[in-house]
């Protein structure tokens, strides 16, 4: 009985050793394979990863600058239109108040008609302000989608040769707290995007 117990313990020990060698031997091989693959695909650093500083990209990518300038112009035109009409309405309301105080209206009905016209005009102006704001938001959304599509389409083309596994987006160092400089491909991407944008003009 004692011999049987010793034999079983010996078999169990051998099984554990074999399992240990298999598990850690496989992990080592996998690690070696990954390192070999990484060396083949990685360009700026040790691993097939890179990141783009989005703030820097948007401030230097000509398409983004043009889109932003166009949006600002639309916002300014919208504000000018609303402010001009609001000032005109303010003048008309002031004149109405003066006439009312001077008892210049021929009848009470005439004063009420003018007041109703001014109130309606004010409501229309508020509606126009809301409509223009909505249009600006739609334009902004459309431009953002175009910008995102442009960058994503370029990155797919760019990555055919670079073979990155992941390209991260970084904004004001919020997402990536630290990375070696070699992983930052912002300048290269911006340069190529601008060259492509200039060629299409």
C-alpha atoms as a PDB file:
ATOM      1  CA  UNK A   1       0.000   0.000   0.000  1.00  0.00           C
ATOM      2  CA  UNK A   2       2.831   2.345   0.917  1.00  0.00           C
ATOM      3  CA  UNK A   3       4.621   1.490  -2.346  1.00  0.00           C
ATOM      4  CA  UNK A   4       1.473   2.201  -4.355  1.00  0.00           C
ATOM      5  CA  UNK A   5       1.203   5.643  -2.741  1.00  0.00           C
ATOM      6  CA  UNK A   6       4.837   6.410  -3.595  1.00  0.00           C
ATOM      7  CA  UNK A   7       4.318   5.311  -7.203  1.00  0.00           C
ATOM      8  CA  UNK A   8       1.178   7.474  -7.565  1.00  0.00           C
ATOM      9  CA  UNK A   9       2.992  10.485  -6.084  1.00  0.00           C
ATOM     10  CA  UNK A  10       5.910   9.949  -8.481  1.00  0.00           C
ATOM     11  CA  UNK A  11       3.535   9.767 -11.490  1.00  0.00           C
ATOM     12  CA  UNK A  12       1.703  12.890 -10.303  1.00  0.00           C
ATOM     13  CA  UNK A  13       5.008  14.761  -9.902  1.00  0.00           C
ATOM     14  CA  UNK A  14       6.101  13.779 -13.429  1.00  0.00           C
ATOM     15  CA  UNK A  15       2.726  14.895 -14.832  1.00  0.00           C
ATOM     16  CA  UNK A  16       3.017  18.281 -13.094  1.00  0.00           C
ATOM     17  CA  UNK A  17       6.572  18.757 -14.423  1.00  0.00           C
ATOM     18  CA  UNK A  18       5.470  17.892 -17.994  1.00  0.00           C
ATOM     19  CA  UNK A  19       2.503  20.262 -17.724  1.00  0.00           C
ATOM     20  CA  UNK A  20       4.726  23.026 -16.329  1.00  0.00           C
ATOM     21  CA  UNK A  21       7.223  22.638 -19.197  1.00  0.00           C
ATOM     22  CA  UNK A  22       4.417  22.587 -21.793  1.00  0.00           C
ATOM     23  CA  UNK A  23       2.686  25.710 -20.500  1.00  0.00           C
ATOM     24  CA  UNK A  24       5.764  27.841 -19.982  1.00  0.00           C
ATOM     25  CA  UNK A  25       7.484  26.464 -23.071  1.00  0.00           C
ATOM     26  CA  UNK A  26       4.440  27.445 -25.217  1.00  0.00           C
ATOM     27  CA  UNK A  27       4.281  30.935 -23.720  1.00  0.00           C
ATOM     28  CA  UNK A  28       7.940  31.451 -24.450  1.00  0.00           C
ATOM     29  CA  UNK A  29       7.473  30.367 -28.059  1.00  0.00           C
ATOM     30  CA  UNK A  30       4.435  32.601 -28.455  1.00  0.00           C
ATOM     31  CA  UNK A  31       6.333  35.518 -26.989  1.00  0.00           C
ATOM     32  CA  UNK A  32       9.211  34.891 -29.380  1.00  0.00           C
ATOM     33  CA  UNK A  33       6.789  34.691 -32.322  1.00  0.00           C
ATOM     34  CA  UNK A  34       5.140  37.972 -31.329  1.00  0.00           C
ATOM     35  CA  UNK A  35       8.524  39.685 -31.009  1.00  0.00           C
ATOM     36  CA  UNK A  36       9.531  38.399 -34.435  1.00  0.00           C
ATOM     37  CA  UNK A  37       6.237  39.597 -35.957  1.00  0.00           C
ATOM     38  CA  UNK A  38       6.538  42.905 -34.175  1.00  0.00           C
ATOM     39  CA  UNK A  39       9.992  43.482 -35.641  1.00  0.00           C
ATOM     40  CA  UNK A  40       8.587  42.875 -39.120  1.00  0.00           C
ATOM     41  CA  UNK A  41       5.633  45.263 -38.816  1.00  0.00           C
ATOM     42  CA  UNK A  42       6.829  47.945 -36.409  1.00  0.00           C
ATOM     43  CA  UNK A  43       8.271  51.063 -37.989  1.00  0.00           C
ATOM     44  CA  UNK A  44       8.851  53.833 -35.437  1.00  0.00           C
ATOM     45  CA  UNK A  45       9.171  51.757 -32.236  1.00  0.00           C
ATOM     46  CA  UNK A  46       9.554  48.204 -30.988  1.00  0.00           C
ATOM     47  CA  UNK A  47       5.911  47.228 -31.322  1.00  0.00           C
ATOM     48  CA  UNK A  48       3.345  47.558 -34.159  1.00  0.00           C
ATOM     49  CA  UNK A  49       1.597  50.490 -32.480  1.00  0.00           C
ATOM     50  CA  UNK A  50       1.520  54.218 -33.218  1.00  0.00           C
ATOM     51  CA  UNK A  51      -0.484  57.252 -32.167  1.00  0.00           C
ATOM     52  CA  UNK A  52      -1.646  60.513 -33.660  1.00  0.00           C
ATOM     53  CA  UNK A  53      -2.018  63.736 -31.695  1.00  0.00           C
ATOM     54  CA  UNK A  54      -5.420  64.828 -32.993  1.00  0.00           C
ATOM     55  CA  UNK A  55      -5.134  68.450 -31.764  1.00  0.00           C
ATOM     56  CA  UNK A  56      -1.886  68.910 -33.659  1.00  0.00           C
ATOM     57  CA  UNK A  57      -3.269  67.149 -36.738  1.00  0.00           C
ATOM     58  CA  UNK A  58      -6.399  69.323 -36.889  1.00  0.00           C
ATOM     59  CA  UNK A  59      -4.457  72.555 -36.397  1.00  0.00           C
ATOM     60  CA  UNK A  60      -2.045  71.700 -39.236  1.00  0.00           C
ATOM     61  CA  UNK A  61      -4.164  69.710 -41.717  1.00  0.00           C
ATOM     62  CA  UNK A  62      -5.236  72.152 -44.438  1.00  0.00           C
ATOM     63  CA  UNK A  63      -8.592  70.454 -45.082  1.00  0.00           C
ATOM     64  CA  UNK A  64      -9.458  70.808 -41.374  1.00  0.00           C
ATOM     65  CA  UNK A  65      -8.303  74.453 -41.351  1.00  0.00           C
ATOM     66  CA  UNK A  66     -10.364  75.258 -44.461  1.00  0.00           C
ATOM     67  CA  UNK A  67     -13.427  73.498 -43.022  1.00  0.00           C
ATOM     68  CA  UNK A  68     -13.071  75.368 -39.742  1.00  0.00           C
ATOM     69  CA  UNK A  69     -12.664  78.713 -41.534  1.00  0.00           C
ATOM     70  CA  UNK A  70     -15.763  78.011 -43.642  1.00  0.00           C
ATOM     71  CA  UNK A  71     -17.761  77.181 -40.516  1.00  0.00           C
ATOM     72  CA  UNK A  72     -16.607  80.360 -38.762  1.00  0.00           C
ATOM     73  CA  UNK A  73     -17.672  82.437 -41.792  1.00  0.00           C
ATOM     74  CA  UNK A  74     -21.129  80.813 -41.757  1.00  0.00           C
ATOM     75  CA  UNK A  75     -21.462  81.504 -38.022  1.00  0.00           C
ATOM     76  CA  UNK A  76     -20.427  85.143 -38.502  1.00  0.00           C
ATOM     77  CA  UNK A  77     -22.847  85.624 -41.426  1.00  0.00           C
ATOM     78  CA  UNK A  78     -25.643  84.085 -39.374  1.00  0.00           C
ATOM     79  CA  UNK A  79     -24.886  86.287 -36.380  1.00  0.00           C
ATOM     80  CA  UNK A  80     -24.702  89.405 -38.580  1.00  0.00           C
ATOM     81  CA  UNK A  81     -28.088  88.628 -40.133  1.00  0.00           C
ATOM     82  CA  UNK A  82     -29.764  88.068 -36.746  1.00  0.00           C
ATOM     83  CA  UNK A  83     -28.115  91.100 -35.108  1.00  0.00           C
ATOM     84  CA  UNK A  84     -29.046  93.406 -38.012  1.00  0.00           C
ATOM     85  CA  UNK A  85     -32.690  92.327 -37.898  1.00  0.00           C
ATOM     86  CA  UNK A  86     -32.749  92.513 -34.084  1.00  0.00           C
ATOM     87  CA  UNK A  87     -31.433  96.088 -34.173  1.00  0.00           C
ATOM     88  CA  UNK A  88     -34.062  97.051 -36.753  1.00  0.00           C
ATOM     89  CA  UNK A  89     -36.782  95.506 -34.600  1.00  0.00           C
ATOM     90  CA  UNK A  90     -35.450  97.359 -31.547  1.00  0.00           C
ATOM     91  CA  UNK A  91     -35.709 100.656 -33.470  1.00  0.00           C
ATOM     92  CA  UNK A  92     -39.291  99.878 -34.533  1.00  0.00           C
ATOM     93  CA  UNK A  93     -40.245  98.952 -30.966  1.00  0.00           C
ATOM     94  CA  UNK A  94     -38.721 102.213 -29.714  1.00  0.00           C
ATOM     95  CA  UNK A  95     -40.718 104.200 -32.282  1.00  0.00           C
ATOM     96  CA  UNK A  96     -43.890 102.344 -31.290  1.00  0.00           C
ATOM     97  CA  UNK A  97     -43.286 103.206 -27.618  1.00  0.00           C
ATOM     98  CA  UNK A  98     -42.759 106.903 -28.477  1.00  0.00           C
ATOM     99  CA  UNK A  99     -45.967 107.005 -30.545  1.00  0.00           C
ATOM    100  CA  UNK A 100     -47.861 105.271 -27.755  1.00  0.00           C
ATOM    101  CA  UNK A 101     -46.588 107.734 -25.138  1.00  0.00           C
ATOM    102  CA  UNK A 102     -47.303 110.706 -27.433  1.00  0.00           C
ATOM    103  CA  UNK A 103     -50.797 109.367 -28.109  1.00  0.00           C
ATOM    104  CA  UNK A 104     -49.976 109.520 -31.841  1.00  0.00           C
ATOM    105  CA  UNK A 105     -52.067 106.505 -32.917  1.00  0.00           C
ATOM    106  CA  UNK A 106     -55.425 107.462 -34.434  1.00  0.00           C
ATOM    107  CA  UNK A 107     -57.175 104.661 -32.574  1.00  0.00           C
ATOM    108  CA  UNK A 108     -56.590 102.036 -29.929  1.00  0.00           C
ATOM    109  CA  UNK A 109     -57.202  99.367 -32.566  1.00  0.00           C
ATOM    110  CA  UNK A 110     -54.386 100.825 -34.698  1.00  0.00           C
ATOM    111  CA  UNK A 111     -51.969 100.703 -31.719  1.00  0.00           C
ATOM    112  CA  UNK A 112     -52.932  97.093 -30.977  1.00  0.00           C
ATOM    113  CA  UNK A 113     -52.342  96.123 -34.616  1.00  0.00           C
ATOM    114  CA  UNK A 114     -48.877  97.658 -34.563  1.00  0.00           C
ATOM    115  CA  UNK A 115     -48.073  95.961 -31.247  1.00  0.00           C
ATOM    116  CA  UNK A 116     -49.256  92.577 -32.612  1.00  0.00           C
ATOM    117  CA  UNK A 117     -47.080  93.095 -35.719  1.00  0.00           C
ATOM    118  CA  UNK A 118     -44.001  93.779 -33.579  1.00  0.00           C
ATOM    119  CA  UNK A 119     -44.665  90.767 -31.329  1.00  0.00           C
ATOM    120  CA  UNK A 120     -45.058  88.537 -34.397  1.00  0.00           C
ATOM    121  CA  UNK A 121     -41.859  89.978 -35.861  1.00  0.00           C
ATOM    122  CA  UNK A 122     -40.013  89.205 -32.617  1.00  0.00           C
ATOM    123  CA  UNK A 123     -41.282  85.600 -32.651  1.00  0.00           C
ATOM    124  CA  UNK A 124     -40.236  85.176 -36.291  1.00  0.00           C
ATOM    125  CA  UNK A 125     -36.777  86.486 -35.447  1.00  0.00           C
ATOM    126  CA  UNK A 126     -36.439  84.006 -32.575  1.00  0.00           C
ATOM    127  CA  UNK A 127     -37.505  81.176 -34.893  1.00  0.00           C
ATOM    128  CA  UNK A 128     -34.998  82.333 -37.518  1.00  0.00           C
ATOM    129  CA  UNK A 129     -32.248  82.388 -34.882  1.00  0.00           C
ATOM    130  CA  UNK A 130     -33.103  78.810 -33.894  1.00  0.00           C
ATOM    131  CA  UNK A 131     -33.255  77.702 -37.541  1.00  0.00           C
ATOM    132  CA  UNK A 132     -29.865  79.256 -38.382  1.00  0.00           C
ATOM    133  CA  UNK A 133     -28.296  77.711 -35.257  1.00  0.00           C
ATOM    134  CA  UNK A 134     -29.657  74.316 -36.310  1.00  0.00           C
ATOM    135  CA  UNK A 135     -28.254  74.765 -39.828  1.00  0.00           C
ATOM    136  CA  UNK A 136     -24.828  75.656 -38.392  1.00  0.00           C
ATOM    137  CA  UNK A 137     -24.897  72.521 -36.217  1.00  0.00           C
ATOM    138  CA  UNK A 138     -25.776  70.381 -39.255  1.00  0.00           C
ATOM    139  CA  UNK A 139     -22.958  71.925 -41.292  1.00  0.00           C
ATOM    140  CA  UNK A 140     -20.545  71.351 -38.401  1.00  0.00           C
ATOM    141  CA  UNK A 141     -21.625  67.714 -38.089  1.00  0.00           C
ATOM    142  CA  UNK A 142     -21.283  67.169 -41.843  1.00  0.00           C
ATOM    143  CA  UNK A 143     -17.800  68.719 -41.857  1.00  0.00           C
ATOM    144  CA  UNK A 144     -16.751  66.581 -38.887  1.00  0.00           C
ATOM    145  CA  UNK A 145     -17.952  63.444 -40.688  1.00  0.00           C
ATOM    146  CA  UNK A 146     -16.124  64.439 -43.884  1.00  0.00           C
ATOM    147  CA  UNK A 147     -12.951  65.127 -41.909  1.00  0.00           C
ATOM    148  CA  UNK A 148     -13.175  61.816 -40.044  1.00  0.00           C
ATOM    149  CA  UNK A 149     -13.902  59.909 -43.270  1.00  0.00           C
ATOM    150  CA  UNK A 150     -10.979  61.594 -45.017  1.00  0.00           C
ATOM    151  CA  UNK A 151      -8.535  60.718 -42.235  1.00  0.00           C
ATOM    152  CA  UNK A 152      -9.848  57.148 -41.823  1.00  0.00           C
ATOM    153  CA  UNK A 153      -9.689  56.490 -45.578  1.00  0.00           C
ATOM    154  CA  UNK A 154      -6.130  57.827 -45.695  1.00  0.00           C
ATOM    155  CA  UNK A 155      -5.034  55.743 -42.689  1.00  0.00           C
ATOM    156  CA  UNK A 156      -6.292  52.550 -44.362  1.00  0.00           C
ATOM    157  CA  UNK A 157      -4.222  53.410 -47.453  1.00  0.00           C
ATOM    158  CA  UNK A 158      -1.228  54.506 -45.356  1.00  0.00           C
ATOM    159  CA  UNK A 159      -1.281  51.357 -43.226  1.00  0.00           C
ATOM    160  CA  UNK A 160      -1.079  48.964 -46.198  1.00  0.00           C
ATOM    161  CA  UNK A 161       2.685  49.464 -46.148  1.00  0.00           C
ATOM    162  CA  UNK A 162       3.199  50.374 -42.502  1.00  0.00           C
ATOM    163  CA  UNK A 163       1.324  47.327 -41.101  1.00  0.00           C
ATOM    164  CA  UNK A 164       0.420  48.812 -37.732  1.00  0.00           C
ATOM    165  CA  UNK A 165      -1.823  46.665 -35.563  1.00  0.00           C
ATOM    166  CA  UNK A 166      -3.246  49.708 -33.725  1.00  0.00           C
ATOM    167  CA  UNK A 167      -3.099  53.456 -34.354  1.00  0.00           C
ATOM    168  CA  UNK A 168      -4.257  55.353 -31.272  1.00  0.00           C
ATOM    169  CA  UNK A 169      -5.917  58.762 -31.161  1.00  0.00           C
ATOM    170  CA  UNK A 170      -4.453  61.138 -28.589  1.00  0.00           C
ATOM    171  CA  UNK A 171      -5.958  64.485 -27.616  1.00  0.00           C
ATOM    172  CA  UNK A 172      -3.960  66.915 -25.465  1.00  0.00           C
ATOM    173  CA  UNK A 173      -2.126  63.943 -23.924  1.00  0.00           C
ATOM    174  CA  UNK A 174      -5.400  62.773 -22.356  1.00  0.00           C
ATOM    175  CA  UNK A 175      -5.323  59.191 -23.614  1.00  0.00           C
ATOM    176  CA  UNK A 176      -1.604  58.476 -23.761  1.00  0.00           C
ATOM    177  CA  UNK A 177       0.199  59.722 -20.691  1.00  0.00           C
ATOM    178  CA  UNK A 178       3.643  58.655 -21.925  1.00  0.00           C
ATOM    179  CA  UNK A 179       5.057  57.124 -25.084  1.00  0.00           C
ATOM    180  CA  UNK A 180       8.440  57.074 -26.774  1.00  0.00           C
ATOM    181  CA  UNK A 181       8.718  59.744 -29.465  1.00  0.00           C
ATOM    182  CA  UNK A 182       9.086  57.076 -32.142  1.00  0.00           C
ATOM    183  CA  UNK A 183       5.452  56.025 -31.741  1.00  0.00           C
ATOM    184  CA  UNK A 184       4.146  59.523 -32.600  1.00  0.00           C
ATOM    185  CA  UNK A 185       3.351  59.554 -36.342  1.00  0.00           C
ATOM    186  CA  UNK A 186       1.412  62.853 -36.284  1.00  0.00           C
ATOM    187  CA  UNK A 187       3.917  64.859 -38.336  1.00  0.00           C
ATOM    188  CA  UNK A 188       4.214  62.175 -41.010  1.00  0.00           C
ATOM    189  CA  UNK A 189       0.426  61.740 -41.284  1.00  0.00           C
ATOM    190  CA  UNK A 190      -0.164  65.522 -41.401  1.00  0.00           C
ATOM    191  CA  UNK A 191       2.478  65.985 -44.108  1.00  0.00           C
ATOM    192  CA  UNK A 192       1.044  63.230 -46.308  1.00  0.00           C
ATOM    193  CA  UNK A 193      -2.566  64.351 -45.767  1.00  0.00           C
ATOM    194  CA  UNK A 194      -1.646  67.906 -46.803  1.00  0.00           C
ATOM    195  CA  UNK A 195       0.201  66.645 -49.887  1.00  0.00           C
ATOM    196  CA  UNK A 196      -2.820  64.561 -50.844  1.00  0.00           C
ATOM    197  CA  UNK A 197      -5.226  67.461 -50.206  1.00  0.00           C
ATOM    198  CA  UNK A 198      -3.083  69.854 -52.274  1.00  0.00           C
ATOM    199  CA  UNK A 199      -2.952  67.357 -55.161  1.00  0.00           C
ATOM    200  CA  UNK A 200      -6.760  67.117 -55.216  1.00  0.00           C
ATOM    201  CA  UNK A 201      -7.273  70.898 -55.387  1.00  0.00           C
END
